[in-house]
C-alpha atoms as a PDB file:
ATOM      1  CA  UNK A   1     -14.045  39.444  -0.562  1.00  0.00           C
ATOM      2  CA  UNK A   2     -15.859  37.196   1.947  1.00  0.00           C
ATOM      3  CA  UNK A   3     -14.158  33.926   2.868  1.00  0.00           C
ATOM      4  CA  UNK A   4     -15.017  30.857   0.640  1.00  0.00           C
ATOM      5  CA  UNK A   5     -17.467  28.591   2.148  1.00  0.00           C
ATOM      6  CA  UNK A   6     -16.085  24.982   2.217  1.00  0.00           C
ATOM      7  CA  UNK A   7     -17.194  22.817  -0.689  1.00  0.00           C
ATOM      8  CA  UNK A   8     -19.323  19.783   0.282  1.00  0.00           C
ATOM      9  CA  UNK A   9     -17.567  16.689   1.193  1.00  0.00           C
ATOM     10  CA  UNK A  10     -16.250  14.133  -1.459  1.00  0.00           C
ATOM     11  CA  UNK A  11     -14.794  10.692   0.039  1.00  0.00           C
ATOM     12  CA  UNK A  12     -13.645   9.434  -3.336  1.00  0.00           C
ATOM     13  CA  UNK A  13     -11.449  12.414  -3.770  1.00  0.00           C
ATOM     14  CA  UNK A  14     -10.441  12.330  -0.173  1.00  0.00           C
ATOM     15  CA  UNK A  15      -9.298   8.670  -0.553  1.00  0.00           C
ATOM     16  CA  UNK A  16      -7.287   9.516  -3.893  1.00  0.00           C
ATOM     17  CA  UNK A  17      -5.636  12.434  -2.246  1.00  0.00           C
ATOM     18  CA  UNK A  18      -4.518  10.374   0.805  1.00  0.00           C
ATOM     19  CA  UNK A  19      -3.281   7.456  -1.415  1.00  0.00           C
ATOM     20  CA  UNK A  20      -1.348   9.830  -3.715  1.00  0.00           C
ATOM     21  CA  UNK A  21       0.133  11.682  -0.633  1.00  0.00           C
ATOM     22  CA  UNK A  22       1.340   8.305   0.909  1.00  0.00           C
ATOM     23  CA  UNK A  23       2.636   6.939  -2.391  1.00  0.00           C
ATOM     24  CA  UNK A  24       5.026  10.055  -2.472  1.00  0.00           C
ATOM     25  CA  UNK A  25       6.091   9.486   1.079  1.00  0.00           C
ATOM     26  CA  UNK A  26       4.644  12.818   2.101  1.00  0.00           C
ATOM     27  CA  UNK A  27       3.001  13.698   5.674  1.00  0.00           C
ATOM     28  CA  UNK A  28       0.025  15.735   5.890  1.00  0.00           C
ATOM     29  CA  UNK A  29       2.097  18.374   7.385  1.00  0.00           C
ATOM     30  CA  UNK A  30       4.515  18.472   4.641  1.00  0.00           C
ATOM     31  CA  UNK A  31       1.614  18.669   1.958  1.00  0.00           C
ATOM     32  CA  UNK A  32      -0.085  21.355   3.870  1.00  0.00           C
ATOM     33  CA  UNK A  33       3.173  23.372   4.077  1.00  0.00           C
ATOM     34  CA  UNK A  34       3.746  22.826   0.250  1.00  0.00           C
ATOM     35  CA  UNK A  35       0.574  24.272  -0.862  1.00  0.00           C
ATOM     36  CA  UNK A  36       0.194  26.954   2.077  1.00  0.00           C
ATOM     37  CA  UNK A  37      -2.685  25.616   4.029  1.00  0.00           C
ATOM     38  CA  UNK A  38      -3.062  23.985   7.806  1.00  0.00           C
ATOM     39  CA  UNK A  39      -2.576  20.331   8.392  1.00  0.00           C
ATOM     40  CA  UNK A  40      -6.271  20.080   9.671  1.00  0.00           C
ATOM     41  CA  UNK A  41      -7.380  21.173   6.292  1.00  0.00           C
ATOM     42  CA  UNK A  42      -5.658  18.184   4.618  1.00  0.00           C
ATOM     43  CA  UNK A  43      -7.262  15.953   7.210  1.00  0.00           C
ATOM     44  CA  UNK A  44     -10.736  17.508   6.612  1.00  0.00           C
ATOM     45  CA  UNK A  45     -10.243  16.895   2.742  1.00  0.00           C
ATOM     46  CA  UNK A  46      -8.763  13.382   3.198  1.00  0.00           C
ATOM     47  CA  UNK A  47     -11.412  12.225   5.292  1.00  0.00           C
ATOM     48  CA  UNK A  48     -14.159  13.215   2.979  1.00  0.00           C
ATOM     49  CA  UNK A  49     -15.707  15.897   5.352  1.00  0.00           C
ATOM     50  CA  UNK A  50     -14.836  18.719   3.133  1.00  0.00           C
ATOM     51  CA  UNK A  51     -13.778  19.460  -0.635  1.00  0.00           C
ATOM     52  CA  UNK A  52     -11.062  21.800  -1.471  1.00  0.00           C
ATOM     53  CA  UNK A  53     -12.069  24.662  -3.757  1.00  0.00           C
ATOM     54  CA  UNK A  54     -11.047  24.879  -7.178  1.00  0.00           C
ATOM     55  CA  UNK A  55      -7.674  26.839  -6.906  1.00  0.00           C
ATOM     56  CA  UNK A  56      -6.498  24.871  -3.851  1.00  0.00           C
ATOM     57  CA  UNK A  57      -7.265  21.603  -5.946  1.00  0.00           C
ATOM     58  CA  UNK A  58      -4.815  22.938  -8.629  1.00  0.00           C
ATOM     59  CA  UNK A  59      -2.281  23.419  -6.018  1.00  0.00           C
ATOM     60  CA  UNK A  60      -2.792  19.989  -4.565  1.00  0.00           C
ATOM     61  CA  UNK A  61      -2.463  18.404  -7.982  1.00  0.00           C
ATOM     62  CA  UNK A  62       0.756  20.331  -8.734  1.00  0.00           C
ATOM     63  CA  UNK A  63       2.198  19.221  -5.348  1.00  0.00           C
ATOM     64  CA  UNK A  64       1.264  15.652  -6.051  1.00  0.00           C
ATOM     65  CA  UNK A  65       2.528  15.596  -9.690  1.00  0.00           C
ATOM     66  CA  UNK A  66      -0.831  14.961 -11.149  1.00  0.00           C
ATOM     67  CA  UNK A  67      -3.346  16.922 -13.208  1.00  0.00           C
ATOM     68  CA  UNK A  68      -6.248  18.527 -11.502  1.00  0.00           C
ATOM     69  CA  UNK A  69      -8.588  16.723 -13.776  1.00  0.00           C
ATOM     70  CA  UNK A  70      -6.919  13.234 -12.800  1.00  0.00           C
ATOM     71  CA  UNK A  71      -7.369  14.093  -8.990  1.00  0.00           C
ATOM     72  CA  UNK A  72     -10.897  15.519  -9.205  1.00  0.00           C
ATOM     73  CA  UNK A  73     -14.260  14.002  -9.710  1.00  0.00           C
ATOM     74  CA  UNK A  74     -16.966  15.796 -11.603  1.00  0.00           C
ATOM     75  CA  UNK A  75     -19.658  17.574  -9.490  1.00  0.00           C
ATOM     76  CA  UNK A  76     -22.241  15.212  -8.367  1.00  0.00           C
ATOM     77  CA  UNK A  77     -20.598  12.077  -9.226  1.00  0.00           C
ATOM     78  CA  UNK A  78     -19.442  10.847  -5.999  1.00  0.00           C
ATOM     79  CA  UNK A  79     -20.590   7.520  -4.579  1.00  0.00           C
ATOM     80  CA  UNK A  80     -22.467   7.080  -1.203  1.00  0.00           C
ATOM     81  CA  UNK A  81     -20.788   4.987   1.360  1.00  0.00           C
ATOM     82  CA  UNK A  82     -23.309   2.169   0.756  1.00  0.00           C
ATOM     83  CA  UNK A  83     -22.158   1.690  -2.751  1.00  0.00           C
ATOM     84  CA  UNK A  84     -18.437   2.164  -2.298  1.00  0.00           C
ATOM     85  CA  UNK A  85     -16.180  -0.635  -2.536  1.00  0.00           C
ATOM     86  CA  UNK A  86     -13.791  -1.337   0.595  1.00  0.00           C
ATOM     87  CA  UNK A  87     -10.770   0.740  -1.302  1.00  0.00           C
ATOM     88  CA  UNK A  88     -13.317   3.765  -1.504  1.00  0.00           C
ATOM     89  CA  UNK A  89     -14.702   3.758   1.902  1.00  0.00           C
ATOM     90  CA  UNK A  90     -14.057   7.189   3.582  1.00  0.00           C
ATOM     91  CA  UNK A  91     -10.798   7.711   5.369  1.00  0.00           C
ATOM     92  CA  UNK A  92     -12.454   9.426   8.409  1.00  0.00           C
ATOM     93  CA  UNK A  93     -11.427   7.440  11.407  1.00  0.00           C
ATOM     94  CA  UNK A  94      -8.898   9.257  13.453  1.00  0.00           C
ATOM     95  CA  UNK A  95      -5.606   7.572  14.371  1.00  0.00           C
ATOM     96  CA  UNK A  96      -4.751   8.883  18.022  1.00  0.00           C
ATOM     97  CA  UNK A  97      -1.136   9.560  18.565  1.00  0.00           C
ATOM     98  CA  UNK A  98       0.820   7.288  20.674  1.00  0.00           C
ATOM     99  CA  UNK A  99       4.154   6.817  22.207  1.00  0.00           C
ATOM    100  CA  UNK A 100       5.594   3.378  22.969  1.00  0.00           C
ATOM    101  CA  UNK A 101       6.280   3.056  26.702  1.00  0.00           C
ATOM    102  CA  UNK A 102       8.036  -0.260  27.222  1.00  0.00           C
ATOM    103  CA  UNK A 103       8.411  -3.997  26.433  1.00  0.00           C
ATOM    104  CA  UNK A 104       4.868  -4.740  27.593  1.00  0.00           C
ATOM    105  CA  UNK A 105       3.226  -2.574  25.089  1.00  0.00           C
ATOM    106  CA  UNK A 106       2.139   0.111  27.408  1.00  0.00           C
ATOM    107  CA  UNK A 107       1.692   3.636  25.749  1.00  0.00           C
ATOM    108  CA  UNK A 108       0.583   7.089  26.635  1.00  0.00           C
ATOM    109  CA  UNK A 109      -2.249   8.991  24.848  1.00  0.00           C
ATOM    110  CA  UNK A 110      -0.880  12.350  23.755  1.00  0.00           C
ATOM    111  CA  UNK A 111      -4.066  13.839  22.585  1.00  0.00           C
ATOM    112  CA  UNK A 112      -3.201  14.254  18.971  1.00  0.00           C
ATOM    113  CA  UNK A 113      -4.720  12.922  15.829  1.00  0.00           C
ATOM    114  CA  UNK A 114      -1.787  12.023  13.667  1.00  0.00           C
ATOM    115  CA  UNK A 115      -3.728  10.578  10.773  1.00  0.00           C
ATOM    116  CA  UNK A 116      -7.116   9.086   9.463  1.00  0.00           C
ATOM    117  CA  UNK A 117      -7.781   5.388   8.025  1.00  0.00           C
ATOM    118  CA  UNK A 118     -10.484   3.914   6.204  1.00  0.00           C
ATOM    119  CA  UNK A 119     -13.890   3.232   7.949  1.00  0.00           C
ATOM    120  CA  UNK A 120     -14.797  -0.542   7.729  1.00  0.00           C
ATOM    121  CA  UNK A 121     -18.150  -1.290   6.059  1.00  0.00           C
ATOM    122  CA  UNK A 122     -19.540  -2.839   9.344  1.00  0.00           C
ATOM    123  CA  UNK A 123     -19.192   0.618  11.235  1.00  0.00           C
ATOM    124  CA  UNK A 124     -20.226   2.825   8.470  1.00  0.00           C
ATOM    125  CA  UNK A 125     -22.800   4.489  10.656  1.00  0.00           C
ATOM    126  CA  UNK A 126     -20.742   4.423  13.852  1.00  0.00           C
ATOM    127  CA  UNK A 127     -19.657   7.914  14.573  1.00  0.00           C
ATOM    128  CA  UNK A 128     -17.626   7.610  17.961  1.00  0.00           C
ATOM    129  CA  UNK A 129     -14.773   5.468  17.100  1.00  0.00           C
ATOM    130  CA  UNK A 130     -10.876   5.997  16.866  1.00  0.00           C
ATOM    131  CA  UNK A 131      -7.900   3.786  15.792  1.00  0.00           C
ATOM    132  CA  UNK A 132      -4.698   3.037  17.320  1.00  0.00           C
ATOM    133  CA  UNK A 133      -1.356   1.389  16.184  1.00  0.00           C
ATOM    134  CA  UNK A 134      -0.531  -1.561  18.249  1.00  0.00           C
ATOM    135  CA  UNK A 135       2.578  -0.821  20.293  1.00  0.00           C
ATOM    136  CA  UNK A 136       4.669  -3.863  21.540  1.00  0.00           C
ATOM    137  CA  UNK A 137       3.969  -7.608  21.219  1.00  0.00           C
ATOM    138  CA  UNK A 138       2.221  -8.422  24.497  1.00  0.00           C
ATOM    139  CA  UNK A 139      -0.933  -9.411  22.577  1.00  0.00           C
ATOM    140  CA  UNK A 140       0.649 -11.354  19.864  1.00  0.00           C
ATOM    141  CA  UNK A 141      -0.443 -13.239  18.106  1.00  0.00           C
ATOM    142  CA  UNK A 142      -4.029 -11.862  18.348  1.00  0.00           C
ATOM    143  CA  UNK A 143      -2.160  -8.493  17.209  1.00  0.00           C
ATOM    144  CA  UNK A 144       1.373  -7.519  16.738  1.00  0.00           C
ATOM    145  CA  UNK A 145       3.530  -4.473  16.649  1.00  0.00           C
ATOM    146  CA  UNK A 146       2.268  -2.182  13.946  1.00  0.00           C
ATOM    147  CA  UNK A 147      -1.254  -3.757  13.419  1.00  0.00           C
ATOM    148  CA  UNK A 148      -4.065  -1.201  13.480  1.00  0.00           C
ATOM    149  CA  UNK A 149      -7.002  -1.818  15.936  1.00  0.00           C
ATOM    150  CA  UNK A 150     -10.458   0.155  16.067  1.00  0.00           C
ATOM    151  CA  UNK A 151     -11.946   1.338  19.299  1.00  0.00           C
ATOM    152  CA  UNK A 152     -15.229   2.528  20.713  1.00  0.00           C
ATOM    153  CA  UNK A 153     -15.662   4.390  23.965  1.00  0.00           C
ATOM    154  CA  UNK A 154     -19.467   3.747  23.608  1.00  0.00           C
ATOM    155  CA  UNK A 155     -20.137   0.230  23.791  1.00  0.00           C
ATOM    156  CA  UNK A 156     -19.392  -1.103  27.277  1.00  0.00           C
ATOM    157  CA  UNK A 157     -17.038  -3.945  27.080  1.00  0.00           C
ATOM    158  CA  UNK A 158     -17.808  -7.285  28.793  1.00  0.00           C
ATOM    159  CA  UNK A 159     -15.410 -10.221  29.822  1.00  0.00           C
ATOM    160  CA  UNK A 160     -14.016 -11.841  26.648  1.00  0.00           C
ATOM    161  CA  UNK A 161     -13.622  -8.254  24.748  1.00  0.00           C
ATOM    162  CA  UNK A 162     -10.197  -6.699  23.988  1.00  0.00           C
ATOM    163  CA  UNK A 163     -10.049  -3.313  25.662  1.00  0.00           C
ATOM    164  CA  UNK A 164      -8.055  -0.250  25.723  1.00  0.00           C
ATOM    165  CA  UNK A 165      -7.408   0.977  29.477  1.00  0.00           C
ATOM    166  CA  UNK A 166      -6.193   4.132  30.436  1.00  0.00           C
ATOM    167  CA  UNK A 167      -5.055   4.614  33.933  1.00  0.00           C
ATOM    168  CA  UNK A 168      -5.414   7.998  35.802  1.00  0.00           C
ATOM    169  CA  UNK A 169      -2.147  10.198  35.630  1.00  0.00           C
ATOM    170  CA  UNK A 170      -0.232  11.708  38.666  1.00  0.00           C
ATOM    171  CA  UNK A 171      -2.394  14.852  38.290  1.00  0.00           C
ATOM    172  CA  UNK A 172      -5.925  15.673  36.932  1.00  0.00           C
ATOM    173  CA  UNK A 173      -4.636  16.782  33.433  1.00  0.00           C
ATOM    174  CA  UNK A 174      -2.013  14.262  32.813  1.00  0.00           C
ATOM    175  CA  UNK A 175      -2.080  11.576  30.324  1.00  0.00           C
ATOM    176  CA  UNK A 176      -1.991   8.247  31.914  1.00  0.00           C
ATOM    177  CA  UNK A 177      -0.351   4.922  30.818  1.00  0.00           C
ATOM    178  CA  UNK A 178      -2.681   2.905  28.591  1.00  0.00           C
ATOM    179  CA  UNK A 179      -2.541  -0.633  27.464  1.00  0.00           C
ATOM    180  CA  UNK A 180      -4.457  -2.958  25.256  1.00  0.00           C
ATOM    181  CA  UNK A 181      -5.408  -6.164  26.969  1.00  0.00           C
ATOM    182  CA  UNK A 182      -8.123  -8.934  27.119  1.00  0.00           C
ATOM    183  CA  UNK A 183     -10.866  -8.243  29.915  1.00  0.00           C
ATOM    184  CA  UNK A 184     -10.829 -11.529  31.521  1.00  0.00           C
ATOM    185  CA  UNK A 185     -13.170 -10.671  34.327  1.00  0.00           C
ATOM    186  CA  UNK A 186     -14.390  -7.987  36.439  1.00  0.00           C
ATOM    187  CA  UNK A 187     -15.913  -7.175  39.891  1.00  0.00           C
ATOM    188  CA  UNK A 188     -17.237  -4.009  41.680  1.00  0.00           C
ATOM    189  CA  UNK A 189     -13.643  -3.149  42.572  1.00  0.00           C
ATOM    190  CA  UNK A 190     -11.382  -4.222  39.914  1.00  0.00           C
ATOM    191  CA  UNK A 191     -10.579  -5.502  36.398  1.00  0.00           C
ATOM    192  CA  UNK A 192      -8.927  -8.748  35.708  1.00  0.00           C
ATOM    193  CA  UNK A 193      -6.711  -8.506  32.355  1.00  0.00           C
ATOM    194  CA  UNK A 194      -4.879 -11.147  30.229  1.00  0.00           C
ATOM    195  CA  UNK A 195      -1.890 -10.634  28.163  1.00  0.00           C
ATOM    196  CA  UNK A 196      -0.640 -13.357  25.593  1.00  0.00           C
ATOM    197  CA  UNK A 197       2.877 -12.782  25.381  1.00  0.00           C
ATOM    198  CA  UNK A 198       4.354 -13.606  27.990  1.00  0.00           C
ATOM    199  CA  UNK A 199       0.931 -15.159  29.026  1.00  0.00           C
ATOM    200  CA  UNK A 200      -0.343 -13.915  32.463  1.00  0.00           C
ATOM    201  CA  UNK A 201      -3.392 -12.636  34.213  1.00  0.00           C
ATOM    202  CA  UNK A 202      -3.281  -9.474  36.698  1.00  0.00           C
ATOM    203  CA  UNK A 203      -5.639  -7.139  38.232  1.00  0.00           C
ATOM    204  CA  UNK A 204      -6.202  -3.450  38.338  1.00  0.00           C
ATOM    205  CA  UNK A 205      -8.405  -1.608  40.796  1.00  0.00           C
ATOM    206  CA  UNK A 206     -11.057   0.339  39.152  1.00  0.00           C
ATOM    207  CA  UNK A 207     -10.091   3.569  41.066  1.00  0.00           C
ATOM    208  CA  UNK A 208      -6.963   3.526  38.998  1.00  0.00           C
ATOM    209  CA  UNK A 209      -8.855   3.480  35.640  1.00  0.00           C
ATOM    210  CA  UNK A 210      -9.558   6.625  33.900  1.00  0.00           C
ATOM    211  CA  UNK A 211     -11.310   5.008  30.963  1.00  0.00           C
ATOM    212  CA  UNK A 212     -11.795   1.652  29.465  1.00  0.00           C
ATOM    213  CA  UNK A 213     -12.827   1.442  25.798  1.00  0.00           C
ATOM    214  CA  UNK A 214     -13.899  -1.676  23.837  1.00  0.00           C
ATOM    215  CA  UNK A 215     -11.830  -2.956  20.712  1.00  0.00           C
ATOM    216  CA  UNK A 216     -14.097  -3.772  17.932  1.00  0.00           C
ATOM    217  CA  UNK A 217     -13.836  -7.416  16.743  1.00  0.00           C
ATOM    218  CA  UNK A 218     -13.227  -8.314  13.066  1.00  0.00           C
ATOM    219  CA  UNK A 219     -16.907  -9.671  12.967  1.00  0.00           C
ATOM    220  CA  UNK A 220     -18.121  -6.104  14.014  1.00  0.00           C
ATOM    221  CA  UNK A 221     -15.874  -4.161  11.461  1.00  0.00           C
ATOM    222  CA  UNK A 222     -16.949  -6.690   8.761  1.00  0.00           C
ATOM    223  CA  UNK A 223     -20.557  -6.144   9.540  1.00  0.00           C
ATOM    224  CA  UNK A 224     -21.263  -9.956   9.923  1.00  0.00           C
END
């Protein structure tokens, strides 16, 4: 038999699937193993990009302890992003895996997507964004350890923006140290950064910076 083509996306189903999984303390990997699929498949369903087929839906429902009818929406009844309530917005923003590096809140990108989170209404049409869990308390009280921030690599940051700065690694393909700071100023040769806790300014040469990405403000996320 030819392979099944993926069903069309269903953000509402993806949201329910993610919330049921989290309420049962299951990781995407654990759920995938339980029903015999890959972790990326779970990610695609939870983000609303694809919809599981009928047999897979039955296995998902069994693994989560609900009926397939309670998990699924009738075909054609899903809402568009424009009419979804905040709790129904698609969970399609990737959270990039990080590892805590020290008391200053530095971390290293490991290149992995560890989860997906809901897309705020204000960035409903912005495709190129990602999220990070804050590590360390160097930026408290603006953000504390465990808070979530949304980041875009496509909007150039200006002084006054919070930014994610990734430094170049020792070798071309190495992951470099990254940090979340306030961009206090910039010159043709360096960035001036500020942290809040303890409060201090410092500079980094542009030649050391692999990437600098803008952290989206609450106003941008709310669309106001």
